[in-house]
């Protein structure tokens, strides 16, 4: 319907242009000859007036059938006006007979087959009737149509030539109009098919769970699907035009990795980068050349978040190692503790009975003190290896943390230039926890941060809650982070910090972080660690808000956590 209305507007505009040019030029020519031009004035005024009327009527028409009928009415009115103009300007000798040709051509725009041929037939009839009236002087008495100066044979020849011209134009314009209509319909169908195909491809890219991005020949990102935005935390506007290496922090360690991008094949590798919020992100990426019309125009990358899977693998390896170590060490600790207690008791008795010199007494004191310290270490280890049952109940983690902060603040005042900042979430953060055990976790993490800042620094403690989706089930997880500005942890030690007895301190049992890990694990949670040397360390304790077993699937290895 919009197409028909557009053609009618073209018809109205063309009419104004033709009348303005032809009648305007003829009017000027007649004025220079001093002849009366009332007919020209009347036709010009009538044409403008009827065009305005057409525009008003056209706005009220809504159906396709009504629009087609309206177009035919305009063509019929045009033919009548042209006939009047030809009659007033010499009939068969009028130079305006060519207007019939224009009407025949314009009528072909009406969406009906053979419209041009039908209009040409009407023009032949009107022109023939007009010629006969003029030839026999039937209307000369009114001064409208003077008798032709041509003979009957010349008039018949003129009518034949004009009629042939009208028919040829009608046939050609009708045929061209049909071809144009078919071509237009075919083009519309192809455009619709192309639009559907493009929409289908866009829906696939937007619906796929993997992140997808494309680049130009210079490696600058040109598209970023919703899954990519969700995984990285970046919006399309933030990455548009940036190099993909910069966004994903990809710097190949080996020259052969760089050579993979120059081959016309898929290359697969892992990338360790950061989300927009600063969290660590490990991606499994597949990169392939992007071709358009046989030419390579860039790259297309598909990636999946492997962060939780890698964390899970590390967690399972650590658990397996700790389980074996704990089973063996617990037995050894018992075996060592009994003779150690007997040895310490014997030395105390000897110290009372023997009248040794000062040096012997001092050495005896050292032996007793170290034996006691060793017994304390064994006791601490046994508590780690065989922790007591948790007294779990629903508590506000913000409140539990606040109670621990009093001790932490007091400890900070005994240290050198230690500042503590807090960014606790608004409202309560409920969780199923053992308050005493969780306070021990918070205290150990704070004390560990203080030890990492011997020359002073800032410890930022923050809490928050985020929604996770595991195996199609959603759950709320509380996050408590301890971020220090200390010395950081060397990369080679990151996998060892939760192992019992591992420590880089001059004085320490190496059981503090091991106990933290064990307590958090018993609560069904996990710990994330992010650290760079001389840049500080960030420990994040993640705890489920509810005791729903579905939340523990991450630790059972059934399904890795996914960000939601």
Protein backbone atom coordinates (compact mmCIF):
# COMPACT_ATOMS: atom_id res chain seq x y z
CA UNK A 1 0.00 0.00 0.00
CA UNK A 2 2.85 2.37 0.78
CA UNK A 3 4.30 1.65 -2.65
CA UNK A 4 1.01 2.62 -4.40
CA UNK A 5 0.74 5.80 -2.36
CA UNK A 6 4.31 6.71 -3.28
CA UNK A 7 3.53 6.29 -6.98
CA UNK A 8 0.49 8.51 -6.65
CA UNK A 9 2.59 11.20 -5.02
CA UNK A 10 5.01 10.92 -7.93
CA UNK A 11 2.08 11.24 -10.34
CA UNK A 12 0.88 14.42 -8.62
CA UNK A 13 4.36 15.92 -8.53
CA UNK A 14 4.98 15.12 -12.20
CA UNK A 15 1.69 16.77 -13.14
CA UNK A 16 2.68 20.00 -11.41
CA UNK A 17 6.09 20.01 -13.10
CA UNK A 18 4.64 19.37 -16.61
CA UNK A 19 1.89 21.98 -16.25
CA UNK A 20 4.32 24.55 -14.89
CA UNK A 21 6.85 24.02 -17.66
CA UNK A 22 4.69 23.46 -20.77
CA UNK A 23 1.80 25.73 -19.99
CA UNK A 24 4.08 28.34 -18.47
CA UNK A 25 6.25 28.46 -21.58
CA UNK A 26 3.24 28.51 -23.85
CA UNK A 27 1.65 31.26 -21.76
CA UNK A 28 4.79 33.37 -22.12
CA UNK A 29 4.86 32.77 -25.86
CA UNK A 30 1.18 33.70 -26.27
CA UNK A 31 1.63 36.90 -24.24
CA UNK A 32 4.43 38.05 -26.51
CA UNK A 33 2.06 37.65 -29.48
CA UNK A 34 -0.68 39.62 -27.74
CA UNK A 35 -3.24 36.80 -27.92
CA UNK A 36 -5.88 35.96 -25.27
CA UNK A 37 -4.72 33.34 -22.81
CA UNK A 38 -7.75 32.77 -20.61
CA UNK A 39 -7.62 29.01 -21.31
CA UNK A 40 -4.04 28.75 -20.07
CA UNK A 41 -4.84 30.67 -16.91
CA UNK A 42 -7.85 28.46 -16.25
CA UNK A 43 -5.95 25.21 -16.83
CA UNK A 44 -3.03 26.20 -14.63
CA UNK A 45 -5.28 27.33 -11.79
CA UNK A 46 -7.47 24.24 -12.12
CA UNK A 47 -4.44 21.92 -12.12
CA UNK A 48 -3.03 23.42 -8.93
CA UNK A 49 -6.43 23.40 -7.23
CA UNK A 50 -7.22 19.81 -8.15
CA UNK A 51 -3.74 18.70 -7.01
CA UNK A 52 -4.38 20.21 -3.58
CA UNK A 53 -7.72 18.39 -3.49
CA UNK A 54 -5.98 15.16 -4.48
CA UNK A 55 -3.50 15.56 -1.61
CA UNK A 56 -6.31 16.05 0.92
CA UNK A 57 -8.21 13.01 -0.36
CA UNK A 58 -5.07 10.87 -0.48
CA UNK A 59 -4.45 11.32 3.24
CA UNK A 60 -7.85 9.77 4.02
CA UNK A 61 -7.47 6.68 1.85
CA UNK A 62 -6.20 3.54 3.58
CA UNK A 63 -6.99 0.51 1.41
CA UNK A 64 -5.01 -0.55 -1.66
CA UNK A 65 -8.14 -0.88 -3.80
CA UNK A 66 -9.23 2.67 -3.00
CA UNK A 67 -5.76 3.98 -3.87
CA UNK A 68 -5.80 2.23 -7.26
CA UNK A 69 -9.24 3.65 -8.07
CA UNK A 70 -8.06 7.09 -7.00
CA UNK A 71 -5.08 6.81 -9.37
CA UNK A 72 -7.41 5.92 -12.25
CA UNK A 73 -9.57 8.95 -11.46
CA UNK A 74 -6.52 11.18 -11.70
CA UNK A 75 -5.52 9.68 -15.05
CA UNK A 76 -9.07 10.20 -16.40
CA UNK A 77 -9.13 13.83 -15.25
CA UNK A 78 -5.71 14.38 -16.83
CA UNK A 79 -6.98 13.00 -20.16
CA UNK A 80 -10.00 15.34 -20.09
CA UNK A 81 -7.83 18.37 -19.30
CA UNK A 82 -5.40 17.46 -22.07
CA UNK A 83 -8.29 17.06 -24.52
CA UNK A 84 -9.60 20.53 -23.60
CA UNK A 85 -6.11 22.02 -23.95
CA UNK A 86 -5.59 20.37 -27.36
CA UNK A 87 -9.01 21.57 -28.55
CA UNK A 88 -8.25 25.18 -27.54
CA UNK A 89 -4.78 25.14 -29.15
CA UNK A 90 -5.56 23.90 -32.66
CA UNK A 91 -6.89 20.38 -32.31
CA UNK A 92 -5.01 18.05 -34.61
CA UNK A 93 -2.47 20.79 -35.21
CA UNK A 94 -1.93 21.45 -31.48
CA UNK A 95 1.60 21.01 -30.15
CA UNK A 96 0.12 19.69 -26.88
CA UNK A 97 -0.96 16.36 -28.35
CA UNK A 98 2.30 15.00 -26.96
CA UNK A 99 0.73 15.26 -23.49
CA UNK A 100 -1.24 12.12 -24.30
CA UNK A 101 2.09 10.25 -24.51
CA UNK A 102 3.03 11.48 -21.05
CA UNK A 103 -0.32 10.33 -19.66
CA UNK A 104 0.09 6.89 -21.22
CA UNK A 105 3.54 6.56 -19.67
CA UNK A 106 2.40 7.77 -16.27
CA UNK A 107 -0.64 5.45 -16.30
CA UNK A 108 1.74 2.49 -16.51
CA UNK A 109 2.76 3.28 -12.94
CA UNK A 110 -0.69 2.16 -11.74
CA UNK A 111 -0.31 -1.44 -10.48
CA UNK A 112 -2.49 -3.12 -13.09
CA UNK A 113 -1.35 -5.16 -16.07
CA UNK A 114 -1.74 -3.47 -19.48
CA UNK A 115 -2.63 -0.16 -17.80
CA UNK A 116 -0.54 1.71 -20.39
CA UNK A 117 -2.27 -0.03 -23.30
CA UNK A 118 -5.72 0.76 -21.89
CA UNK A 119 -4.82 4.43 -21.45
CA UNK A 120 -3.38 4.54 -24.98
CA UNK A 121 -6.70 3.24 -26.33
CA UNK A 122 -8.57 5.99 -24.49
CA UNK A 123 -6.17 8.59 -25.93
CA UNK A 124 -6.73 7.26 -29.47
CA UNK A 125 -10.52 7.45 -29.03
CA UNK A 126 -10.43 10.99 -27.60
CA UNK A 127 -8.01 12.23 -30.23
CA UNK A 128 -9.99 10.55 -33.02
CA UNK A 129 -13.28 12.08 -31.84
CA UNK A 130 -11.60 15.48 -31.57
CA UNK A 131 -10.16 15.17 -35.09
CA UNK A 132 -13.53 14.22 -36.62
CA UNK A 133 -15.27 17.14 -34.91
CA UNK A 134 -12.58 19.49 -36.20
CA UNK A 135 -12.47 17.94 -39.66
CA UNK A 136 -16.17 18.40 -40.28
CA UNK A 137 -16.49 21.74 -38.41
CA UNK A 138 -19.09 20.46 -35.95
CA UNK A 139 -17.94 22.73 -33.08
CA UNK A 140 -16.76 25.76 -35.05
CA UNK A 141 -19.91 27.70 -34.19
CA UNK A 142 -18.82 27.91 -30.51
CA UNK A 143 -15.33 29.06 -31.38
CA UNK A 144 -13.82 26.19 -29.54
CA UNK A 145 -12.49 24.10 -32.36
CA UNK A 146 -11.88 25.80 -35.70
CA UNK A 147 -12.06 23.70 -38.80
CA UNK A 148 -8.73 22.00 -39.63
CA UNK A 149 -6.61 23.41 -42.40
CA UNK A 150 -5.45 19.88 -43.21
CA UNK A 151 -7.16 17.76 -45.79
CA UNK A 152 -9.00 14.60 -44.84
CA UNK A 153 -6.07 12.43 -45.96
CA UNK A 154 -3.57 14.52 -43.98
CA UNK A 155 -5.81 14.47 -40.94
CA UNK A 156 -6.20 10.70 -41.21
CA UNK A 157 -2.43 10.34 -41.55
CA UNK A 158 -1.86 12.50 -38.45
CA UNK A 159 -4.39 10.49 -36.45
CA UNK A 160 -2.73 7.25 -37.57
CA UNK A 161 0.74 8.44 -36.61
CA UNK A 162 -0.44 9.66 -33.21
CA UNK A 163 -2.42 6.47 -32.61
CA UNK A 164 0.59 4.33 -33.48
CA UNK A 165 2.73 6.39 -31.13
CA UNK A 166 0.17 6.02 -28.35
CA UNK A 167 -0.02 2.23 -28.84
CA UNK A 168 3.75 1.77 -28.98
CA UNK A 169 4.26 3.86 -25.89
CA UNK A 170 1.44 2.01 -24.13
CA UNK A 171 2.85 -1.40 -25.01
CA UNK A 172 6.42 -0.50 -24.12
CA UNK A 173 5.57 1.33 -20.92
CA UNK A 174 3.24 -1.49 -19.85
CA UNK A 175 5.91 -4.12 -20.54
CA UNK A 176 8.55 -2.08 -18.74
CA UNK A 177 6.20 -1.49 -15.83
CA UNK A 178 5.55 -5.25 -15.55
CA UNK A 179 9.26 -6.00 -15.63
CA UNK A 180 9.91 -3.28 -13.11
CA UNK A 181 7.20 -4.68 -10.84
CA UNK A 182 8.58 -8.22 -11.13
CA UNK A 183 12.12 -6.99 -10.53
CA UNK A 184 10.96 -4.94 -7.57
CA UNK A 185 9.09 -7.92 -6.12
CA UNK A 186 12.09 -10.19 -6.64
CA UNK A 187 14.37 -7.64 -5.04
CA UNK A 188 12.03 -7.30 -2.07
CA UNK A 189 11.91 -11.07 -1.64
CA UNK A 190 15.70 -11.27 -1.74
CA UNK A 191 16.00 -8.40 0.72
CA UNK A 192 13.53 -10.11 3.03
CA UNK A 193 15.42 -13.37 2.71
CA UNK A 194 18.70 -11.59 3.36
CA UNK A 195 17.18 -9.79 6.35
CA UNK A 196 15.84 -13.08 7.74
CA UNK A 197 19.22 -14.73 7.20
CA UNK A 198 21.03 -11.83 8.85
CA UNK A 199 18.59 -11.86 11.75
CA UNK A 200 19.00 -15.64 12.04
CA UNK A 201 22.77 -15.34 12.19
CA UNK A 202 22.55 -12.47 14.68
CA UNK A 203 20.17 -14.50 16.83
CA UNK A 204 22.63 -17.40 16.82
CA UNK A 205 25.53 -15.15 17.80
CA UNK A 206 23.45 -13.41 20.47
CA UNK A 207 21.99 -16.64 21.86
CA UNK A 208 25.14 -18.73 21.99
CA UNK A 209 26.51 -19.22 25.51
CA UNK A 210 30.11 -18.75 24.40
CA UNK A 211 31.65 -15.33 23.99
CA UNK A 212 32.11 -14.30 20.35
CA UNK A 213 33.96 -11.30 18.95
CA UNK A 214 35.20 -10.21 15.53
CA UNK A 215 38.03 -7.92 14.52
CA UNK A 216 39.12 -6.02 11.44
CA UNK A 217 42.39 -6.59 9.62
CA UNK A 218 44.26 -4.52 12.24
CA UNK A 219 42.96 -6.62 15.14
CA UNK A 220 40.51 -3.99 16.41
CA UNK A 221 37.25 -5.37 17.79
CA UNK A 222 34.18 -4.75 15.60
CA UNK A 223 31.54 -6.87 17.40
CA UNK A 224 31.07 -8.30 20.89
CA UNK A 225 28.12 -10.60 21.62
CA UNK A 226 26.12 -10.53 24.92
CA UNK A 227 27.86 -13.65 26.27
CA UNK A 228 31.22 -11.95 25.75
CA UNK A 229 29.97 -8.86 27.57
CA UNK A 230 28.67 -10.97 30.47
CA UNK A 231 31.88 -12.98 30.77
CA UNK A 232 34.32 -10.05 30.62
CA UNK A 233 32.14 -7.37 32.21
CA UNK A 234 32.88 -5.00 29.30
CA UNK A 235 30.16 -3.41 27.17
CA UNK A 236 30.34 -3.12 23.38
CA UNK A 237 31.11 0.59 23.66
CA UNK A 238 34.09 -0.10 25.96
CA UNK A 239 35.80 -2.53 23.57
CA UNK A 240 34.70 -1.17 20.17
CA UNK A 241 37.78 -0.18 18.19
CA UNK A 242 40.26 -1.52 20.79
CA UNK A 243 42.78 -4.21 19.88
CA UNK A 244 41.67 -7.64 21.07
CA UNK A 245 45.15 -8.36 22.48
CA UNK A 246 44.77 -5.35 24.76
CA UNK A 247 41.27 -6.31 25.91
CA UNK A 248 42.23 -9.93 26.67
CA UNK A 249 45.82 -9.15 27.76
CA UNK A 250 47.23 -11.76 25.38
CA UNK A 251 51.01 -11.70 25.08
CA UNK A 252 52.36 -14.99 23.70
CA UNK A 253 55.23 -16.40 25.72
CA UNK A 254 56.58 -18.46 22.85
CA UNK A 255 57.27 -17.32 19.24
CA UNK A 256 55.36 -20.34 17.88
CA UNK A 257 52.21 -19.11 19.64
CA UNK A 258 52.48 -15.84 17.76
CA UNK A 259 52.92 -17.79 14.52
CA UNK A 260 49.57 -19.51 15.03
CA UNK A 261 47.76 -16.30 14.11
CA UNK A 262 49.44 -16.15 10.71
CA UNK A 263 48.08 -19.51 9.60
CA UNK A 264 44.79 -20.07 7.82
CA UNK A 265 43.62 -22.46 10.52
CA UNK A 266 42.01 -22.39 13.93
CA UNK A 267 44.32 -21.74 16.86
CA UNK A 268 43.41 -22.70 20.42
CA UNK A 269 45.03 -21.35 23.56
CA UNK A 270 44.27 -20.13 27.08
CA UNK A 271 44.34 -16.48 28.08
CA UNK A 272 44.64 -15.17 31.63
CA UNK A 273 43.27 -11.64 31.93
CA UNK A 274 41.02 -9.58 34.18
CA UNK A 275 37.34 -8.77 34.17
CA UNK A 276 36.18 -5.18 34.12
CA UNK A 277 35.78 -5.36 37.93
CA UNK A 278 39.41 -6.50 38.34
CA UNK A 279 38.74 -10.20 39.08
CA UNK A 280 40.96 -12.84 37.50
CA UNK A 281 39.62 -14.44 34.33
CA UNK A 282 40.92 -17.51 32.51
CA UNK A 283 39.53 -18.01 29.01
CA UNK A 284 39.78 -20.92 26.63
CA UNK A 285 39.90 -19.18 23.26
CA UNK A 286 39.62 -20.34 19.66
CA UNK A 287 40.79 -17.84 17.04
CA UNK A 288 40.24 -18.22 13.30
CA UNK A 289 40.66 -15.97 10.24
CA UNK A 290 37.55 -14.11 9.10
CA UNK A 291 37.01 -14.27 5.32
CA UNK A 292 34.80 -12.10 3.16
CA UNK A 293 34.52 -12.79 -0.58
CA UNK A 294 37.66 -14.89 -0.45
CA UNK A 295 39.78 -12.24 1.24
CA UNK A 296 40.92 -12.32 4.86
CA UNK A 297 39.40 -9.30 6.61
CA UNK A 298 40.18 -10.02 10.26
CA UNK A 299 39.65 -12.61 12.97
CA UNK A 300 36.71 -14.22 14.72
CA UNK A 301 37.24 -15.37 18.29
CA UNK A 302 35.15 -17.76 20.41
CA UNK A 303 35.94 -18.12 24.09
CA UNK A 304 34.63 -19.80 27.24
CA UNK A 305 35.16 -18.87 30.86
CA UNK A 306 37.47 -21.52 32.38
CA UNK A 307 38.23 -19.63 35.60
CA UNK A 308 36.05 -21.74 37.85
CA UNK A 309 37.09 -24.95 36.12
CA UNK A 310 40.78 -24.20 36.69
CA UNK A 311 40.05 -23.17 40.28
CA UNK A 312 38.14 -26.41 40.72
CA UNK A 313 41.03 -28.45 39.36
CA UNK A 314 43.47 -26.71 41.70
CA UNK A 315 41.05 -27.18 44.58
CA UNK A 316 40.64 -30.90 43.91
CA UNK A 317 44.40 -31.41 43.60
CA UNK A 318 44.94 -29.53 46.84
CA UNK A 319 42.24 -31.52 48.62
CA UNK A 320 43.65 -34.80 47.47
CA UNK A 321 47.13 -33.81 48.57
CA UNK A 322 45.90 -32.51 51.91
CA UNK A 323 43.83 -35.60 52.55
CA UNK A 324 46.83 -37.84 52.03
CA UNK A 325 49.08 -35.55 54.00
CA UNK A 326 46.59 -35.17 56.84
CA UNK A 327 46.06 -38.90 57.19
CA UNK A 328 49.77 -39.58 57.30
CA UNK A 329 50.67 -36.58 59.45
CA UNK A 330 47.98 -37.17 62.05
CA UNK A 331 49.39 -40.61 62.78
CA UNK A 332 52.94 -39.28 62.88
CA UNK A 333 51.93 -36.43 65.18
CA UNK A 334 50.47 -38.86 67.70
CA UNK A 335 53.58 -40.99 67.55
CA UNK A 336 55.82 -37.98 68.07
CA UNK A 337 53.72 -36.33 70.75
CA UNK A 338 53.88 -39.18 73.26
CA UNK A 339 57.68 -39.48 73.42
CA UNK A 340 57.98 -35.74 73.20
CA UNK A 341 55.84 -35.32 76.31
CA UNK A 342 57.88 -37.91 78.14
CA UNK A 343 61.11 -36.21 77.06
CA UNK A 344 59.89 -32.79 78.25
CA UNK A 345 58.82 -34.20 81.61
CA UNK A 346 62.14 -35.99 82.09
CA UNK A 347 64.09 -32.80 81.38
CA UNK A 348 62.03 -30.86 83.89
CA UNK A 349 62.76 -33.47 86.56
CA UNK A 350 66.43 -33.42 85.71
CA UNK A 351 66.48 -29.65 85.91
CA UNK A 352 65.18 -29.79 89.49
CA UNK A 353 67.42 -32.60 90.67
CA UNK A 354 70.72 -31.71 89.04
CA UNK A 355 72.91 -28.91 90.36
CA UNK A 356 74.27 -27.91 86.97
CA UNK A 357 76.18 -24.78 86.14
CA UNK A 358 74.57 -21.71 84.62
CA UNK A 359 75.26 -22.75 81.04
CA UNK A 360 73.71 -26.18 81.53
CA UNK A 361 70.67 -24.61 83.18
CA UNK A 362 70.25 -22.23 80.23
CA UNK A 363 70.55 -25.06 77.72
CA UNK A 364 68.04 -27.08 79.71
CA UNK A 365 65.58 -24.15 79.64
CA UNK A 366 65.98 -23.89 75.85
CA UNK A 367 65.34 -27.61 75.42
CA UNK A 368 62.21 -27.49 77.61
CA UNK A 369 60.92 -24.34 75.85
CA UNK A 370 61.44 -25.80 72.36
CA UNK A 371 59.84 -29.08 73.38
CA UNK A 372 56.80 -27.15 74.63
CA UNK A 373 56.69 -25.15 71.40
CA UNK A 374 56.90 -28.33 69.36
CA UNK A 375 54.05 -29.79 71.41
CA UNK A 376 51.96 -26.68 70.70
CA UNK A 377 52.63 -27.02 66.98
CA UNK A 378 51.58 -30.66 67.04
CA UNK A 379 48.43 -29.75 68.98
CA UNK A 380 47.60 -27.03 66.43
CA UNK A 381 48.19 -29.42 63.59
CA UNK A 382 45.96 -32.07 65.12
CA UNK A 383 43.20 -29.48 65.48
CA UNK A 384 43.67 -28.68 61.78
CA UNK A 385 43.75 -32.31 60.69
CA UNK A 386 40.75 -33.31 62.80
CA UNK A 387 38.68 -30.16 63.35
CA UNK A 388 35.74 -30.22 65.75
CA UNK A 389 32.17 -30.36 64.46
CA UNK A 390 30.83 -26.98 63.37
CA UNK A 391 28.15 -25.25 65.39
CA UNK A 392 26.35 -23.86 62.32
CA UNK A 393 23.51 -21.39 62.61
CA UNK A 394 22.23 -18.47 60.56
CA UNK A 395 24.22 -15.33 61.36
CA UNK A 396 24.80 -11.89 59.92
CA UNK A 397 28.30 -12.02 58.43
CA UNK A 398 28.55 -8.23 58.57
CA UNK A 399 27.97 -8.37 62.33
CA UNK A 400 30.41 -11.24 62.86
CA UNK A 401 33.05 -9.38 60.87
CA UNK A 402 32.39 -6.16 62.81
CA UNK A 403 33.00 -8.01 66.10
CA UNK A 404 36.31 -9.31 64.74
CA UNK A 405 37.29 -5.85 63.50
CA UNK A 406 37.61 -4.60 67.09
CA UNK A 407 40.46 -7.02 67.67
CA UNK A 408 41.90 -6.31 64.22
CA UNK A 409 41.89 -2.54 64.85
CA UNK A 410 43.64 -3.06 68.17
CA UNK A 411 46.29 -5.25 66.53
CA UNK A 412 46.77 -2.67 63.76
CA UNK A 413 47.61 0.02 66.33
CA UNK A 414 50.51 -2.12 67.56
CA UNK A 415 51.94 -2.32 64.03
CA UNK A 416 53.84 0.29 62.01
CA UNK A 417 51.73 2.65 59.89
CA UNK A 418 48.89 0.20 59.25
CA UNK A 419 45.60 1.73 58.07
CA UNK A 420 42.34 -0.20 57.86
CA UNK A 421 39.49 0.72 55.53
CA UNK A 422 36.11 -1.02 55.43
CA UNK A 423 33.46 -1.17 52.71
CA UNK A 424 30.71 -3.29 54.17
CA UNK A 425 27.55 -4.00 52.19
CA UNK A 426 24.40 -2.26 53.34
CA UNK A 427 21.97 -4.33 55.35
CA UNK A 428 22.43 -7.81 56.70
CA UNK A 429 24.39 -10.59 54.96
CA UNK A 430 22.85 -13.81 56.31
CA UNK A 431 24.80 -17.04 56.11
CA UNK A 432 24.92 -20.50 57.68
CA UNK A 433 28.19 -20.32 59.65
CA UNK A 434 29.96 -21.23 62.87
CA UNK A 435 30.64 -17.79 64.34
CA UNK A 436 33.73 -18.74 66.35
CA UNK A 437 35.36 -20.57 63.46
CA UNK A 438 34.55 -17.75 61.02
CA UNK A 439 36.01 -15.16 63.41
CA UNK A 440 39.18 -17.26 63.39
CA UNK A 441 39.19 -17.08 59.58
CA UNK A 442 38.84 -13.28 59.59
CA UNK A 443 41.50 -12.86 62.26
CA UNK A 444 44.00 -15.13 60.44
CA UNK A 445 43.51 -13.29 57.15
CA UNK A 446 43.94 -9.89 58.81
CA UNK A 447 47.04 -11.02 60.70
CA UNK A 448 48.47 -12.48 57.51
CA UNK A 449 47.89 -9.12 55.76
CA UNK A 450 49.66 -7.26 58.60
CA UNK A 451 52.68 -9.58 58.30
CA UNK A 452 52.78 -8.83 54.55
CA UNK A 453 53.12 -5.08 55.28
CA UNK A 454 56.15 -4.80 57.62
CA UNK A 455 56.78 -1.19 56.56
CA UNK A 456 53.13 -0.19 56.74
CA UNK A 457 50.30 -0.07 54.26
CA UNK A 458 46.54 -0.24 53.89
CA UNK A 459 44.19 -3.17 54.47
CA UNK A 460 40.78 -2.86 52.81
CA UNK A 461 38.06 -5.18 54.09
CA UNK A 462 34.88 -5.35 52.00
CA UNK A 463 31.73 -7.45 51.91
CA UNK A 464 29.16 -8.02 49.21
CA UNK A 465 26.73 -10.47 47.72
CA UNK A 466 26.37 -11.75 44.17
CA UNK A 467 24.09 -14.14 42.32
CA UNK A 468 25.54 -17.31 40.80
CA UNK A 469 24.03 -19.94 38.57
CA UNK A 470 25.11 -23.55 38.98
CA UNK A 471 23.55 -26.32 36.92
CA UNK A 472 20.60 -24.08 36.16
CA UNK A 473 19.96 -23.35 39.84
CA UNK A 474 20.54 -19.87 41.19
CA UNK A 475 22.00 -19.13 44.61
CA UNK A 476 23.30 -16.11 46.53
CA UNK A 477 26.93 -16.10 47.63
CA UNK A 478 28.48 -13.75 50.20
CA UNK A 479 31.98 -12.47 49.46
CA UNK A 480 34.34 -11.11 52.15
CA UNK A 481 37.58 -9.70 50.75
CA UNK A 482 40.85 -8.72 52.48
CA UNK A 483 42.99 -6.56 50.17
CA UNK A 484 46.41 -5.46 51.40
CA UNK A 485 49.07 -3.30 49.77
CA UNK A 486 51.93 -5.45 50.96
CA UNK A 487 54.75 -7.34 49.33
CA UNK A 488 52.55 -9.74 47.42
CA UNK A 489 53.01 -13.46 46.87
CA UNK A 490 55.47 -14.79 44.28
CA UNK A 491 53.68 -16.63 41.50
CA UNK A 492 55.52 -19.87 42.23
CA UNK A 493 54.14 -19.85 45.80
CA UNK A 494 50.48 -19.25 44.99
CA UNK A 495 49.77 -22.99 44.79
CA UNK A 496 51.46 -23.66 48.14
CA UNK A 497 50.10 -21.01 50.50
CA UNK A 498 47.26 -23.23 51.79
CA UNK A 499 49.51 -26.22 52.43
CA UNK A 500 50.23 -27.08 56.07
CA UNK A 501 53.62 -25.96 57.38
CA UNK A 502 54.36 -23.85 54.28
CA UNK A 503 55.52 -20.41 55.33
CA UNK A 504 57.96 -17.74 54.20
CA UNK A 505 58.04 -16.06 57.64
CA UNK A 506 60.95 -16.31 60.04
CA UNK A 507 58.57 -17.28 62.83
CA UNK A 508 55.38 -19.16 62.05
CA UNK A 509 53.92 -22.62 61.95
CA UNK A 510 52.54 -22.37 58.42
CA UNK A 511 49.13 -23.49 59.62
CA UNK A 512 47.27 -20.15 59.60
CA UNK A 513 46.13 -20.12 55.96
CA UNK A 514 45.78 -23.92 55.99
CA UNK A 515 43.28 -23.59 58.86
CA UNK A 516 41.47 -20.79 56.99
CA UNK A 517 41.14 -22.98 53.94
CA UNK A 518 39.92 -25.94 55.99
CA UNK A 519 37.27 -23.92 57.86
CA UNK A 520 35.94 -22.25 54.72
CA UNK A 521 35.83 -25.61 52.97
CA UNK A 522 33.81 -27.11 55.85
CA UNK A 523 31.29 -24.28 55.36
CA UNK A 524 30.84 -25.27 51.71
CA UNK A 525 32.70 -22.17 50.50
CA UNK A 526 35.94 -21.44 48.72
CA UNK A 527 38.74 -18.87 48.67
CA UNK A 528 40.02 -16.86 45.70
CA UNK A 529 43.52 -15.38 45.77
CA UNK A 530 44.87 -12.63 43.52
CA UNK A 531 48.37 -11.35 44.05
CA UNK A 532 51.28 -9.63 42.30
CA UNK A 533 54.68 -9.05 43.76
CA UNK A 534 55.04 -5.55 45.24
CA UNK A 535 51.40 -4.84 44.31
CA UNK A 536 49.60 -6.47 47.22
CA UNK A 537 47.33 -9.46 47.71
CA UNK A 538 43.56 -9.94 47.72
CA UNK A 539 41.93 -12.88 49.54
CA UNK A 540 38.20 -13.37 48.87
CA UNK A 541 36.18 -15.75 51.07
CA UNK A 542 33.04 -16.96 49.24
CA UNK A 543 30.27 -18.49 51.36
CA UNK A 544 26.78 -19.72 50.37
CA UNK A 545 23.97 -17.85 52.08
CA UNK A 546 21.87 -20.99 52.47
CA UNK A 547 22.61 -24.58 53.39
CA UNK A 548 21.14 -25.81 50.10
CA UNK A 549 23.21 -28.73 48.89
CA UNK A 550 22.94 -27.45 45.34
CA UNK A 551 25.31 -24.64 46.22
CA UNK A 552 27.99 -27.17 47.09
CA UNK A 553 28.06 -28.64 43.62
CA UNK A 554 31.02 -26.48 42.76
CA UNK A 555 33.13 -28.36 45.31
CA UNK A 556 31.78 -31.73 44.32
CA UNK A 557 32.94 -31.19 40.76
CA UNK A 558 29.56 -31.76 39.11
CA UNK A 559 29.33 -28.35 37.47
CA UNK A 560 31.67 -25.33 37.55
CA UNK A 561 30.31 -22.00 38.77
CA UNK A 562 29.17 -19.56 36.13
CA UNK A 563 28.76 -15.82 36.57
CA UNK A 564 25.19 -14.56 36.44
